[in-house]
Every structure is written in structure tokens, then in C-alpha cells.
Amino acid sequence: MKAARFRLPRRATLRGKAHFTGAFAARRQGKFFVVLSRNNTPGEQARLGIVIGRQTAPRSVTRSLMKRTVREVFRQLRGQLGPVDVVVRVRQSAGRSDLTAARHELEKLLRETC
């Protein structure tokens, strides 16, 4: 199987300031993440935006790891979410030891948004 099949399509991501500053109706939070969501146009698929700052994770390696984790969890659950825009803000960076707990938390928060 080609690796491209498992990629998150570009149209499934939120880009630009306008997509991130809108009013988000639902908010869920946990130890590692805050998930904001709003309904999208019917017929559209779920889209994702990720926010992680340098204060949360000073090392770029850690920020990239968290982004990859968020994208992968979203990619796996995207078909179950329906037409919704989701912004995931990382509250606390997870090291390699906490990554499984962070992943489970994000799955739970994303399922609650649908």
C-alpha cells in the first residue's frame, strides 16, 4: 500500500487566521488538550487545526511529535466526526512516556465533540 493513502488530505486542515478566530460552539478539555469545535457546512468533511506554542513545548522535536500524534488520531476518527471544524490546542506537551495517555485523551475528547 502506498503511504499517500494514509495521509490527511490538505482540504481536511484549517489554514489561516480566519479559520482559527471564528466562534467555536463546543469546548472540551483534558490534561493535555483543549478541543474546540463548530459545525461546518452540511456535506463537508471534518477539518482540523492544531495550535501548539513554544511555551508549551520549547523543543521543536516535541512540538512536531505532538502535531503528528494529533493528526494521526484525527485521521483515524475523521469518518466518524461528520461535518465539523476542530481546533486542538495543546495544553501540556507529552513526553514519549505520556504519549499513549495523551492519545487516548484526544480520542475521547474528539468522540465527545460529535
PDB file of N, CA and C in Angstrom:
ATOM      1  N   MET A   1       0.830  -1.182   0.000  1.00  0.00           N
ATOM      2  CA  MET A   1       0.000   0.000   0.000  1.00  0.00           C
ATOM      3  C   MET A   1       0.875   1.246   0.000  1.00  0.00           C
ATOM      4  N   LYS A   2       0.454   2.228  -0.718  1.00  0.00           N
ATOM      5  CA  LYS A   2       1.220   3.466  -0.780  1.00  0.00           C
ATOM      6  C   LYS A   2       1.022   4.275   0.497  1.00  0.00           C
ATOM      7  N   ALA A   3       2.050   4.995   0.881  1.00  0.00           N
ATOM      8  CA  ALA A   3       1.974   5.816   2.083  1.00  0.00           C
ATOM      9  C   ALA A   3       0.999   6.974   1.907  1.00  0.00           C
ATOM     10  N   ALA A   4       0.796   7.422   0.694  1.00  0.00           N
ATOM     11  CA  ALA A   4      -0.088   8.559   0.443  1.00  0.00           C
ATOM     12  C   ALA A   4      -1.529   8.265   0.848  1.00  0.00           C
ATOM     13  N   ARG A   5      -1.925   7.011   0.871  1.00  0.00           N
ATOM     14  CA  ARG A   5      -3.286   6.657   1.256  1.00  0.00           C
ATOM     15  C   ARG A   5      -3.575   7.002   2.714  1.00  0.00           C
ATOM     16  N   PHE A   6      -2.560   7.008   3.532  1.00  0.00           N
ATOM     17  CA  PHE A   6      -2.742   7.247   4.948  1.00  0.00           C
ATOM     18  C   PHE A   6      -2.516   8.699   5.341  1.00  0.00           C
ATOM     19  N   ARG A   7      -2.294   9.549   4.368  1.00  0.00           N
ATOM     20  CA  ARG A   7      -2.076  10.965   4.660  1.00  0.00           C
ATOM     21  C   ARG A   7      -3.396  11.659   4.897  1.00  0.00           C
ATOM     22  N   LEU A   8      -3.356  12.711   5.678  1.00  0.00           N
ATOM     23  CA  LEU A   8      -4.517  13.560   5.882  1.00  0.00           C
ATOM     24  C   LEU A   8      -4.581  14.523   4.701  1.00  0.00           C
ATOM     25  N   PRO A   9      -5.680  14.549   3.951  1.00  0.00           N
ATOM     26  CA  PRO A   9      -5.753  15.427   2.777  1.00  0.00           C
ATOM     27  C   PRO A   9      -5.630  16.901   3.156  1.00  0.00           C
ATOM     28  N   ARG A  10      -5.104  17.676   2.270  1.00  0.00           N
ATOM     29  CA  ARG A  10      -4.900  19.104   2.524  1.00  0.00           C
ATOM     30  C   ARG A  10      -6.221  19.826   2.783  1.00  0.00           C
ATOM     31  N   ARG A  11      -7.289  19.414   2.129  1.00  0.00           N
ATOM     32  CA  ARG A  11      -8.587  20.056   2.334  1.00  0.00           C
ATOM     33  C   ARG A  11      -9.178  19.729   3.712  1.00  0.00           C
ATOM     34  N   ALA A  12      -8.535  18.824   4.448  1.00  0.00           N
ATOM     35  CA  ALA A  12      -9.012  18.447   5.776  1.00  0.00           C
ATOM     36  C   ALA A  12      -8.326  19.251   6.874  1.00  0.00           C
ATOM     37  N   THR A  13      -7.559  20.275   6.502  1.00  0.00           N
ATOM     38  CA  THR A  13      -6.881  21.091   7.505  1.00  0.00           C
ATOM     39  C   THR A  13      -7.374  22.528   7.452  1.00  0.00           C
ATOM     40  N   LEU A  14      -7.396  23.153   8.596  1.00  0.00           N
ATOM     41  CA  LEU A  14      -7.743  24.571   8.688  1.00  0.00           C
ATOM     42  C   LEU A  14      -6.459  25.360   8.519  1.00  0.00           C
ATOM     43  N   ARG A  15      -6.490  26.352   7.647  1.00  0.00           N
ATOM     44  CA  ARG A  15      -5.304  27.166   7.388  1.00  0.00           C
ATOM     45  C   ARG A  15      -5.707  28.629   7.434  1.00  0.00           C
ATOM     46  N   GLY A  16      -4.851  29.438   7.983  1.00  0.00           N
ATOM     47  CA  GLY A  16      -5.077  30.874   8.006  1.00  0.00           C
ATOM     48  C   GLY A  16      -5.798  31.338   9.260  1.00  0.00           C
ATOM     49  N   LYS A  17      -5.602  32.582   9.570  1.00  0.00           N
ATOM     50  CA  LYS A  17      -6.139  33.183  10.786  1.00  0.00           C
ATOM     51  C   LYS A  17      -7.663  33.157  10.825  1.00  0.00           C
ATOM     52  N   ALA A  18      -8.301  33.356   9.698  1.00  0.00           N
ATOM     53  CA  ALA A  18      -9.764  33.412   9.649  1.00  0.00           C
ATOM     54  C   ALA A  18     -10.405  32.108  10.126  1.00  0.00           C
ATOM     55  N   HIS A  19      -9.789  30.985   9.834  1.00  0.00           N
ATOM     56  CA  HIS A  19     -10.347  29.703  10.254  1.00  0.00           C
ATOM     57  C   HIS A  19     -10.206  29.476  11.755  1.00  0.00           C
ATOM     58  N   PHE A  20      -9.199  30.073  12.361  1.00  0.00           N
ATOM     59  CA  PHE A  20      -8.945  29.835  13.775  1.00  0.00           C
ATOM     60  C   PHE A  20      -9.655  30.827  14.694  1.00  0.00           C
ATOM     61  N   THR A  21     -10.070  31.975  14.187  1.00  0.00           N
ATOM     62  CA  THR A  21     -10.623  33.010  15.055  1.00  0.00           C
ATOM     63  C   THR A  21     -12.142  33.006  15.134  1.00  0.00           C
ATOM     64  N   GLY A  22     -12.815  32.124  14.420  1.00  0.00           N
ATOM     65  CA  GLY A  22     -14.274  32.081  14.446  1.00  0.00           C
ATOM     66  C   GLY A  22     -14.793  31.635  15.807  1.00  0.00           C
ATOM     67  N   ALA A  23     -16.081  31.835  16.013  1.00  0.00           N
ATOM     68  CA  ALA A  23     -16.714  31.435  17.269  1.00  0.00           C
ATOM     69  C   ALA A  23     -16.905  29.918  17.274  1.00  0.00           C
ATOM     70  N   PHE A  24     -16.314  29.266  18.235  1.00  0.00           N
ATOM     71  CA  PHE A  24     -16.448  27.822  18.348  1.00  0.00           C
ATOM     72  C   PHE A  24     -17.473  27.506  19.428  1.00  0.00           C
ATOM     73  N   ALA A  25     -18.455  26.690  19.081  1.00  0.00           N
ATOM     74  CA  ALA A  25     -19.594  26.427  19.950  1.00  0.00           C
ATOM     75  C   ALA A  25     -19.251  25.485  21.099  1.00  0.00           C
ATOM     76  N   ALA A  26     -18.497  24.454  20.837  1.00  0.00           N
ATOM     77  CA  ALA A  26     -18.232  23.437  21.855  1.00  0.00           C
ATOM     78  C   ALA A  26     -16.773  23.491  22.290  1.00  0.00           C
ATOM     79  N   ARG A  27     -16.573  23.243  23.581  1.00  0.00           N
ATOM     80  CA  ARG A  27     -15.221  23.232  24.131  1.00  0.00           C
ATOM     81  C   ARG A  27     -15.108  22.055  25.093  1.00  0.00           C
ATOM     82  N   ARG A  28     -14.108  21.247  24.880  1.00  0.00           N
ATOM     83  CA  ARG A  28     -13.806  20.121  25.760  1.00  0.00           C
ATOM     84  C   ARG A  28     -12.335  20.240  26.127  1.00  0.00           C
ATOM     85  N   GLN A  29     -12.015  19.913  27.362  1.00  0.00           N
ATOM     86  CA  GLN A  29     -10.608  19.995  27.742  1.00  0.00           C
ATOM     87  C   GLN A  29     -10.222  18.850  28.654  1.00  0.00           C
ATOM     88  N   GLY A  30      -8.956  18.527  28.593  1.00  0.00           N
ATOM     89  CA  GLY A  30      -8.370  17.493  29.422  1.00  0.00           C
ATOM     90  C   GLY A  30      -7.012  17.962  29.906  1.00  0.00           C
ATOM     91  N   LYS A  31      -6.209  17.032  30.360  1.00  0.00           N
ATOM     92  CA  LYS A  31      -4.891  17.370  30.884  1.00  0.00           C
ATOM     93  C   LYS A  31      -3.958  17.876  29.783  1.00  0.00           C
ATOM     94  N   PHE A  32      -4.014  17.250  28.607  1.00  0.00           N
ATOM     95  CA  PHE A  32      -3.079  17.574  27.541  1.00  0.00           C
ATOM     96  C   PHE A  32      -3.651  18.491  26.467  1.00  0.00           C
ATOM     97  N   PHE A  33      -4.971  18.462  26.242  1.00  0.00           N
ATOM     98  CA  PHE A  33      -5.557  19.152  25.093  1.00  0.00           C
ATOM     99  C   PHE A  33      -6.802  19.946  25.456  1.00  0.00           C
ATOM    100  N   VAL A  34      -7.056  20.990  24.663  1.00  0.00           N
ATOM    101  CA  VAL A  34      -8.341  21.685  24.631  1.00  0.00           C
ATOM    102  C   VAL A  34      -8.851  21.516  23.206  1.00  0.00           C
ATOM    103  N   VAL A  35     -10.065  20.997  23.067  1.00  0.00           N
ATOM    104  CA  VAL A  35     -10.648  20.760  21.748  1.00  0.00           C
ATOM    105  C   VAL A  35     -11.823  21.704  21.562  1.00  0.00           C
ATOM    106  N   LEU A  36     -11.724  22.566  20.556  1.00  0.00           N
ATOM    107  CA  LEU A  36     -12.797  23.493  20.199  1.00  0.00           C
ATOM    108  C   LEU A  36     -13.420  23.003  18.903  1.00  0.00           C
ATOM    109  N   SER A  37     -14.743  23.073  18.814  1.00  0.00           N
ATOM    110  CA  SER A  37     -15.379  22.598  17.582  1.00  0.00           C
ATOM    111  C   SER A  37     -16.580  23.454  17.237  1.00  0.00           C
ATOM    112  N   ARG A  38     -16.906  23.457  15.955  1.00  0.00           N
ATOM    113  CA  ARG A  38     -18.104  24.123  15.457  1.00  0.00           C
ATOM    114  C   ARG A  38     -18.594  23.363  14.235  1.00  0.00           C
ATOM    115  N   ASN A  39     -19.891  23.427  14.018  1.00  0.00           N
ATOM    116  CA  ASN A  39     -20.473  22.741  12.867  1.00  0.00           C
ATOM    117  C   ASN A  39     -20.002  23.392  11.584  1.00  0.00           C
ATOM    118  N   ASN A  40     -19.814  22.573  10.589  1.00  0.00           N
ATOM    119  CA  ASN A  40     -19.373  23.006   9.277  1.00  0.00           C
ATOM    120  C   ASN A  40     -20.559  22.912   8.325  1.00  0.00           C
ATOM    121  N   THR A  41     -20.380  23.316   7.105  1.00  0.00           N
ATOM    122  CA  THR A  41     -21.418  23.220   6.091  1.00  0.00           C
ATOM    123  C   THR A  41     -21.798  21.757   5.891  1.00  0.00           C
ATOM    124  N   PRO A  42     -23.102  21.435   5.871  1.00  0.00           N
ATOM    125  CA  PRO A  42     -23.502  20.043   5.624  1.00  0.00           C
ATOM    126  C   PRO A  42     -22.923  19.538   4.304  1.00  0.00           C
ATOM    127  N   GLY A  43     -22.503  18.301   4.316  1.00  0.00           N
ATOM    128  CA  GLY A  43     -21.876  17.720   3.133  1.00  0.00           C
ATOM    129  C   GLY A  43     -20.365  17.817   3.159  1.00  0.00           C
ATOM    130  N   GLU A  44     -19.826  18.701   3.975  1.00  0.00           N
ATOM    131  CA  GLU A  44     -18.371  18.830   4.114  1.00  0.00           C
ATOM    132  C   GLU A  44     -17.859  17.739   5.052  1.00  0.00           C
ATOM    133  N   GLN A  45     -16.562  17.523   5.036  1.00  0.00           N
ATOM    134  CA  GLN A  45     -15.949  16.582   5.961  1.00  0.00           C
ATOM    135  C   GLN A  45     -15.286  17.346   7.094  1.00  0.00           C
ATOM    136  N   ALA A  46     -14.932  16.622   8.132  1.00  0.00           N
ATOM    137  CA  ALA A  46     -14.283  17.230   9.287  1.00  0.00           C
ATOM    138  C   ALA A  46     -12.935  17.825   8.884  1.00  0.00           C
ATOM    139  N   ARG A  47     -12.612  18.990   9.483  1.00  0.00           N
ATOM    140  CA  ARG A  47     -11.328  19.654   9.229  1.00  0.00           C
ATOM    141  C   ARG A  47     -10.635  19.900  10.559  1.00  0.00           C
ATOM    142  N   LEU A  48      -9.318  19.945  10.534  1.00  0.00           N
ATOM    143  CA  LEU A  48      -8.509  20.035  11.740  1.00  0.00           C
ATOM    144  C   LEU A  48      -7.572  21.228  11.711  1.00  0.00           C
ATOM    145  N   GLY A  49      -7.437  21.881  12.855  1.00  0.00           N
ATOM    146  CA  GLY A  49      -6.425  22.903  13.073  1.00  0.00           C
ATOM    147  C   GLY A  49      -5.693  22.570  14.366  1.00  0.00           C
ATOM    148  N   ILE A  50      -4.398  22.792  14.410  1.00  0.00           N
ATOM    149  CA  ILE A  50      -3.590  22.461  15.586  1.00  0.00           C
ATOM    150  C   ILE A  50      -2.869  23.715  16.051  1.00  0.00           C
ATOM    151  N   VAL A  51      -2.920  23.961  17.365  1.00  0.00           N
ATOM    152  CA  VAL A  51      -2.219  25.097  17.961  1.00  0.00           C
ATOM    153  C   VAL A  51      -1.317  24.557  19.065  1.00  0.00           C
ATOM    154  N   ILE A  52      -0.025  24.808  18.922  1.00  0.00           N
ATOM    155  CA  ILE A  52       0.923  24.442  19.972  1.00  0.00           C
ATOM    156  C   ILE A  52       2.025  25.491  19.972  1.00  0.00           C
ATOM    157  N   GLY A  53       2.204  26.137  21.098  1.00  0.00           N
ATOM    158  CA  GLY A  53       3.161  27.228  21.192  1.00  0.00           C
ATOM    159  C   GLY A  53       4.501  26.799  21.745  1.00  0.00           C
ATOM    160  N   ARG A  54       5.441  27.692  21.652  1.00  0.00           N
ATOM    161  CA  ARG A  54       6.787  27.411  22.161  1.00  0.00           C
ATOM    162  C   ARG A  54       6.823  27.323  23.672  1.00  0.00           C
ATOM    163  N   GLN A  55       5.933  28.031  24.350  1.00  0.00           N
ATOM    164  CA  GLN A  55       5.919  27.946  25.806  1.00  0.00           C
ATOM    165  C   GLN A  55       5.429  26.579  26.265  1.00  0.00           C
ATOM    166  N   THR A  56       4.542  25.987  25.494  1.00  0.00           N
ATOM    167  CA  THR A  56       4.035  24.659  25.825  1.00  0.00           C
ATOM    168  C   THR A  56       5.105  23.602  25.606  1.00  0.00           C
ATOM    169  N   ALA A  57       5.791  23.680  24.487  1.00  0.00           N
ATOM    170  CA  ALA A  57       6.841  22.717  24.146  1.00  0.00           C
ATOM    171  C   ALA A  57       8.008  23.485  23.534  1.00  0.00           C
ATOM    172  N   PRO A  58       9.015  23.831  24.321  1.00  0.00           N
ATOM    173  CA  PRO A  58      10.118  24.647  23.818  1.00  0.00           C
ATOM    174  C   PRO A  58      10.919  23.998  22.683  1.00  0.00           C
ATOM    175  N   ARG A  59      11.006  22.675  22.675  1.00  0.00           N
ATOM    176  CA  ARG A  59      11.787  21.986  21.637  1.00  0.00           C
ATOM    177  C   ARG A  59      10.912  21.687  20.429  1.00  0.00           C
ATOM    178  N   SER A  60      11.415  21.985  19.258  1.00  0.00           N
ATOM    179  CA  SER A  60      10.647  21.758  18.031  1.00  0.00           C
ATOM    180  C   SER A  60      10.375  20.271  17.807  1.00  0.00           C
ATOM    181  N   VAL A  61      11.256  19.426  18.289  1.00  0.00           N
ATOM    182  CA  VAL A  61      11.058  17.984  18.155  1.00  0.00           C
ATOM    183  C   VAL A  61       9.791  17.562  18.895  1.00  0.00           C
ATOM    184  N   THR A  62       9.595  18.108  20.083  1.00  0.00           N
ATOM    185  CA  THR A  62       8.412  17.786  20.882  1.00  0.00           C
ATOM    186  C   THR A  62       7.155  18.345  20.236  1.00  0.00           C
ATOM    187  N   ARG A  63       7.235  19.566  19.721  1.00  0.00           N
ATOM    188  CA  ARG A  63       6.067  20.147  19.039  1.00  0.00           C
ATOM    189  C   ARG A  63       5.676  19.306  17.831  1.00  0.00           C
ATOM    190  N   SER A  64       6.652  18.878  17.061  1.00  0.00           N
ATOM    191  CA  SER A  64       6.374  18.053  15.882  1.00  0.00           C
ATOM    192  C   SER A  64       5.770  16.709  16.273  1.00  0.00           C
ATOM    193  N   LEU A  65       6.266  16.117  17.337  1.00  0.00           N
ATOM    194  CA  LEU A  65       5.734  14.847  17.819  1.00  0.00           C
ATOM    195  C   LEU A  65       4.269  14.991  18.217  1.00  0.00           C
ATOM    196  N   MET A  66       3.951  16.066  18.920  1.00  0.00           N
ATOM    197  CA  MET A  66       2.566  16.293  19.338  1.00  0.00           C
ATOM    198  C   MET A  66       1.666  16.540  18.124  1.00  0.00           C
ATOM    199  N   LYS A  67       2.151  17.301  17.156  1.00  0.00           N
ATOM    200  CA  LYS A  67       1.358  17.554  15.942  1.00  0.00           C
ATOM    201  C   LYS A  67       1.097  16.260  15.179  1.00  0.00           C
ATOM    202  N   ARG A  68       2.119  15.428  15.050  1.00  0.00           N
ATOM    203  CA  ARG A  68       1.938  14.147  14.348  1.00  0.00           C
ATOM    204  C   ARG A  68       0.926  13.268  15.071  1.00  0.00           C
ATOM    205  N   THR A  69       0.980  13.273  16.391  1.00  0.00           N
ATOM    206  CA  THR A  69       0.039  12.478  17.179  1.00  0.00           C
ATOM    207  C   THR A  69      -1.383  12.971  16.980  1.00  0.00           C
ATOM    208  N   VAL A  70      -1.587  14.284  17.039  1.00  0.00           N
ATOM    209  CA  VAL A  70      -2.924  14.859  16.850  1.00  0.00           C
ATOM    210  C   VAL A  70      -3.439  14.547  15.453  1.00  0.00           C
ATOM    211  N   ARG A  71      -2.607  14.731  14.437  1.00  0.00           N
ATOM    212  CA  ARG A  71      -3.039  14.454  13.062  1.00  0.00           C
ATOM    213  C   ARG A  71      -3.419  12.991  12.866  1.00  0.00           C
ATOM    214  N   GLU A  72      -2.658  12.090  13.451  1.00  0.00           N
ATOM    215  CA  GLU A  72      -2.932  10.666  13.283  1.00  0.00           C
ATOM    216  C   GLU A  72      -4.243  10.266  13.962  1.00  0.00           C
ATOM    217  N   VAL A  73      -4.471  10.745  15.169  1.00  0.00           N
ATOM    218  CA  VAL A  73      -5.728  10.432  15.862  1.00  0.00           C
ATOM    219  C   VAL A  73      -6.904  11.005  15.083  1.00  0.00           C
ATOM    220  N   PHE A  74      -6.771  12.237  14.609  1.00  0.00           N
ATOM    221  CA  PHE A  74      -7.843  12.863  13.831  1.00  0.00           C
ATOM    222  C   PHE A  74      -8.090  12.098  12.538  1.00  0.00           C
ATOM    223  N   ARG A  75      -7.031  11.683  11.870  1.00  0.00           N
ATOM    224  CA  ARG A  75      -7.173  10.953  10.613  1.00  0.00           C
ATOM    225  C   ARG A  75      -7.957   9.659  10.821  1.00  0.00           C
ATOM    226  N   GLN A  76      -7.686   8.972  11.926  1.00  0.00           N
ATOM    227  CA  GLN A  76      -8.371   7.715  12.196  1.00  0.00           C
ATOM    228  C   GLN A  76      -9.846   7.917  12.537  1.00  0.00           C
ATOM    229  N   LEU A  77     -10.186   9.026  13.180  1.00  0.00           N
ATOM    230  CA  LEU A  77     -11.567   9.273  13.611  1.00  0.00           C
ATOM    231  C   LEU A  77     -12.345  10.170  12.663  1.00  0.00           C
ATOM    232  N   ARG A  78     -11.727  10.646  11.622  1.00  0.00           N
ATOM    233  CA  ARG A  78     -12.333  11.651  10.745  1.00  0.00           C
ATOM    234  C   ARG A  78     -13.663  11.206  10.161  1.00  0.00           C
ATOM    235  N   GLY A  79     -13.783   9.971   9.773  1.00  0.00           N
ATOM    236  CA  GLY A  79     -15.023   9.471   9.193  1.00  0.00           C
ATOM    237  C   GLY A  79     -16.180   9.441  10.174  1.00  0.00           C
ATOM    238  N   GLN A  80     -15.892   9.368  11.463  1.00  0.00           N
ATOM    239  CA  GLN A  80     -16.922   9.302  12.497  1.00  0.00           C
ATOM    240  C   GLN A  80     -17.375  10.679  12.966  1.00  0.00           C
ATOM    241  N   LEU A  81     -16.640  11.719  12.629  1.00  0.00           N
ATOM    242  CA  LEU A  81     -16.915  13.042  13.184  1.00  0.00           C
ATOM    243  C   LEU A  81     -18.023  13.805  12.473  1.00  0.00           C
ATOM    244  N   GLY A  82     -18.200  13.608  11.204  1.00  0.00           N
ATOM    245  CA  GLY A  82     -19.219  14.367  10.482  1.00  0.00           C
ATOM    246  C   GLY A  82     -18.703  15.741  10.081  1.00  0.00           C
ATOM    247  N   PRO A  83     -19.612  16.646   9.654  1.00  0.00           N
ATOM    248  CA  PRO A  83     -19.185  17.971   9.178  1.00  0.00           C
ATOM    249  C   PRO A  83     -18.886  18.925  10.335  1.00  0.00           C
ATOM    250  N   VAL A  84     -17.657  18.929  10.802  1.00  0.00           N
ATOM    251  CA  VAL A  84     -17.276  19.758  11.941  1.00  0.00           C
ATOM    252  C   VAL A  84     -15.858  20.282  11.728  1.00  0.00           C
ATOM    253  N   ASP A  85     -15.625  21.518  12.171  1.00  0.00           N
ATOM    254  CA  ASP A  85     -14.274  22.081  12.209  1.00  0.00           C
ATOM    255  C   ASP A  85     -13.757  21.904  13.630  1.00  0.00           C
ATOM    256  N   VAL A  86     -12.573  21.368  13.771  1.00  0.00           N
ATOM    257  CA  VAL A  86     -11.997  21.086  15.084  1.00  0.00           C
ATOM    258  C   VAL A  86     -10.653  21.797  15.194  1.00  0.00           C
ATOM    259  N   VAL A  87     -10.465  22.530  16.291  1.00  0.00           N
ATOM    260  CA  VAL A  87      -9.161  23.108  16.602  1.00  0.00           C
ATOM    261  C   VAL A  87      -8.683  22.450  17.891  1.00  0.00           C
ATOM    262  N   VAL A  88      -7.511  21.852  17.841  1.00  0.00           N
ATOM    263  CA  VAL A  88      -6.919  21.203  19.005  1.00  0.00           C
ATOM    264  C   VAL A  88      -5.779  22.080  19.488  1.00  0.00           C
ATOM    265  N   ARG A  89      -5.897  22.535  20.731  1.00  0.00           N
ATOM    266  CA  ARG A  89      -4.830  23.327  21.349  1.00  0.00           C
ATOM    267  C   ARG A  89      -4.131  22.442  22.365  1.00  0.00           C
ATOM    268  N   VAL A  90      -2.826  22.334  22.244  1.00  0.00           N
ATOM    269  CA  VAL A  90      -2.053  21.504  23.159  1.00  0.00           C
ATOM    270  C   VAL A  90      -1.790  22.316  24.418  1.00  0.00           C
ATOM    271  N   ARG A  91      -2.241  21.800  25.560  1.00  0.00           N
ATOM    272  CA  ARG A  91      -2.060  22.488  26.841  1.00  0.00           C
ATOM    273  C   ARG A  91      -0.721  22.142  27.469  1.00  0.00           C
ATOM    274  N   GLN A  92      -0.393  20.874  27.413  1.00  0.00           N
ATOM    275  CA  GLN A  92       0.819  20.392  28.055  1.00  0.00           C
ATOM    276  C   GLN A  92       1.448  19.381  27.119  1.00  0.00           C
ATOM    277  N   SER A  93       2.723  19.516  26.883  1.00  0.00           N
ATOM    278  CA  SER A  93       3.370  18.566  25.983  1.00  0.00           C
ATOM    279  C   SER A  93       3.534  17.232  26.700  1.00  0.00           C
ATOM    280  N   ALA A  94       3.411  16.176  25.940  1.00  0.00           N
ATOM    281  CA  ALA A  94       3.561  14.830  26.481  1.00  0.00           C
ATOM    282  C   ALA A  94       4.883  14.267  26.000  1.00  0.00           C
ATOM    283  N   GLY A  95       5.658  13.772  26.924  1.00  0.00           N
ATOM    284  CA  GLY A  95       6.893  13.101  26.536  1.00  0.00           C
ATOM    285  C   GLY A  95       6.553  11.736  25.965  1.00  0.00           C
ATOM    286  N   ARG A  96       7.545  11.015  25.564  1.00  0.00           N
ATOM    287  CA  ARG A  96       7.296   9.694  24.976  1.00  0.00           C
ATOM    288  C   ARG A  96       6.574   8.770  25.957  1.00  0.00           C
ATOM    289  N   SER A  97       6.825   8.910  27.247  1.00  0.00           N
ATOM    290  CA  SER A  97       6.176   8.040  28.230  1.00  0.00           C
ATOM    291  C   SER A  97       4.687   8.365  28.382  1.00  0.00           C
ATOM    292  N   ASP A  98       4.299   9.628  28.221  1.00  0.00           N
ATOM    293  CA  ASP A  98       2.903  10.043  28.374  1.00  0.00           C
ATOM    294  C   ASP A  98       2.137  10.055  27.059  1.00  0.00           C
ATOM    295  N   LEU A  99       2.771   9.710  25.976  1.00  0.00           N
ATOM    296  CA  LEU A  99       2.152   9.837  24.658  1.00  0.00           C
ATOM    297  C   LEU A  99       0.910   8.961  24.503  1.00  0.00           C
ATOM    298  N   THR A 100       0.923   7.777  25.066  1.00  0.00           N
ATOM    299  CA  THR A 100      -0.242   6.892  24.978  1.00  0.00           C
ATOM    300  C   THR A 100      -1.419   7.490  25.729  1.00  0.00           C
ATOM    301  N   ALA A 101      -1.166   8.038  26.906  1.00  0.00           N
ATOM    302  CA  ALA A 101      -2.240   8.669  27.679  1.00  0.00           C
ATOM    303  C   ALA A 101      -2.792   9.881  26.935  1.00  0.00           C
ATOM    304  N   ALA A 102      -1.918  10.666  26.329  1.00  0.00           N
ATOM    305  CA  ALA A 102      -2.358  11.838  25.570  1.00  0.00           C
ATOM    306  C   ALA A 102      -3.189  11.414  24.368  1.00  0.00           C
ATOM    307  N   ARG A 103      -2.788  10.363  23.718  1.00  0.00           N
ATOM    308  CA  ARG A 103      -3.514   9.860  22.548  1.00  0.00           C
ATOM    309  C   ARG A 103      -4.929   9.406  22.931  1.00  0.00           C
ATOM    310  N   HIS A 104      -5.035   8.656  24.035  1.00  0.00           N
ATOM    311  CA  HIS A 104      -6.349   8.189  24.498  1.00  0.00           C
ATOM    312  C   HIS A 104      -7.238   9.363  24.905  1.00  0.00           C
ATOM    313  N   GLU A 105      -6.629  10.356  25.543  1.00  0.00           N
ATOM    314  CA  GLU A 105      -7.409  11.536  25.934  1.00  0.00           C
ATOM    315  C   GLU A 105      -7.959  12.259  24.710  1.00  0.00           C
ATOM    316  N   LEU A 106      -7.131  12.431  23.697  1.00  0.00           N
ATOM    317  CA  LEU A 106      -7.578  13.119  22.490  1.00  0.00           C
ATOM    318  C   LEU A 106      -8.683  12.336  21.779  1.00  0.00           C
ATOM    319  N   GLU A 107      -8.556  11.015  21.714  1.00  0.00           N
ATOM    320  CA  GLU A 107      -9.615  10.194  21.118  1.00  0.00           C
ATOM    321  C   GLU A 107     -10.933  10.412  21.853  1.00  0.00           C
ATOM    322  N   LYS A 108     -10.872  10.420  23.171  1.00  0.00           N
ATOM    323  CA  LYS A 108     -12.077  10.616  23.989  1.00  0.00           C
ATOM    324  C   LYS A 108     -12.684  11.997  23.733  1.00  0.00           C
ATOM    325  N   LEU A 109     -11.856  13.028  23.722  1.00  0.00           N
ATOM    326  CA  LEU A 109     -12.353  14.389  23.509  1.00  0.00           C
ATOM    327  C   LEU A 109     -12.956  14.558  22.117  1.00  0.00           C
ATOM    328  N   LEU A 110     -12.333  13.981  21.111  1.00  0.00           N
ATOM    329  CA  LEU A 110     -12.863  14.090  19.748  1.00  0.00           C
ATOM    330  C   LEU A 110     -14.184  13.339  19.606  1.00  0.00           C
ATOM    331  N   ARG A 111     -14.300  12.191  20.246  1.00  0.00           N
ATOM    332  CA  ARG A 111     -15.569  11.446  20.185  1.00  0.00           C
ATOM    333  C   ARG A 111     -16.691  12.213  20.880  1.00  0.00           C
ATOM    334  N   GLU A 112     -16.363  12.952  21.927  1.00  0.00           N
ATOM    335  CA  GLU A 112     -17.373  13.745  22.634  1.00  0.00           C
ATOM    336  C   GLU A 112     -17.868  14.913  21.793  1.00  0.00           C
ATOM    337  N   THR A 113     -17.081  15.370  20.845  1.00  0.00           N
ATOM    338  CA  THR A 113     -17.487  16.524  20.038  1.00  0.00           C
ATOM    339  C   THR A 113     -18.511  16.180  18.977  1.00  0.00           C
ATOM    340  N   CYS A 114     -18.621  14.892  18.602  1.00  0.00           N
ATOM    341  CA  CYS A 114     -19.583  14.590  17.532  1.00  0.00           C
ATOM    342  C   CYS A 114     -20.992  14.431  18.020  1.00  0.00           C
TER     343      CYS A 114
END
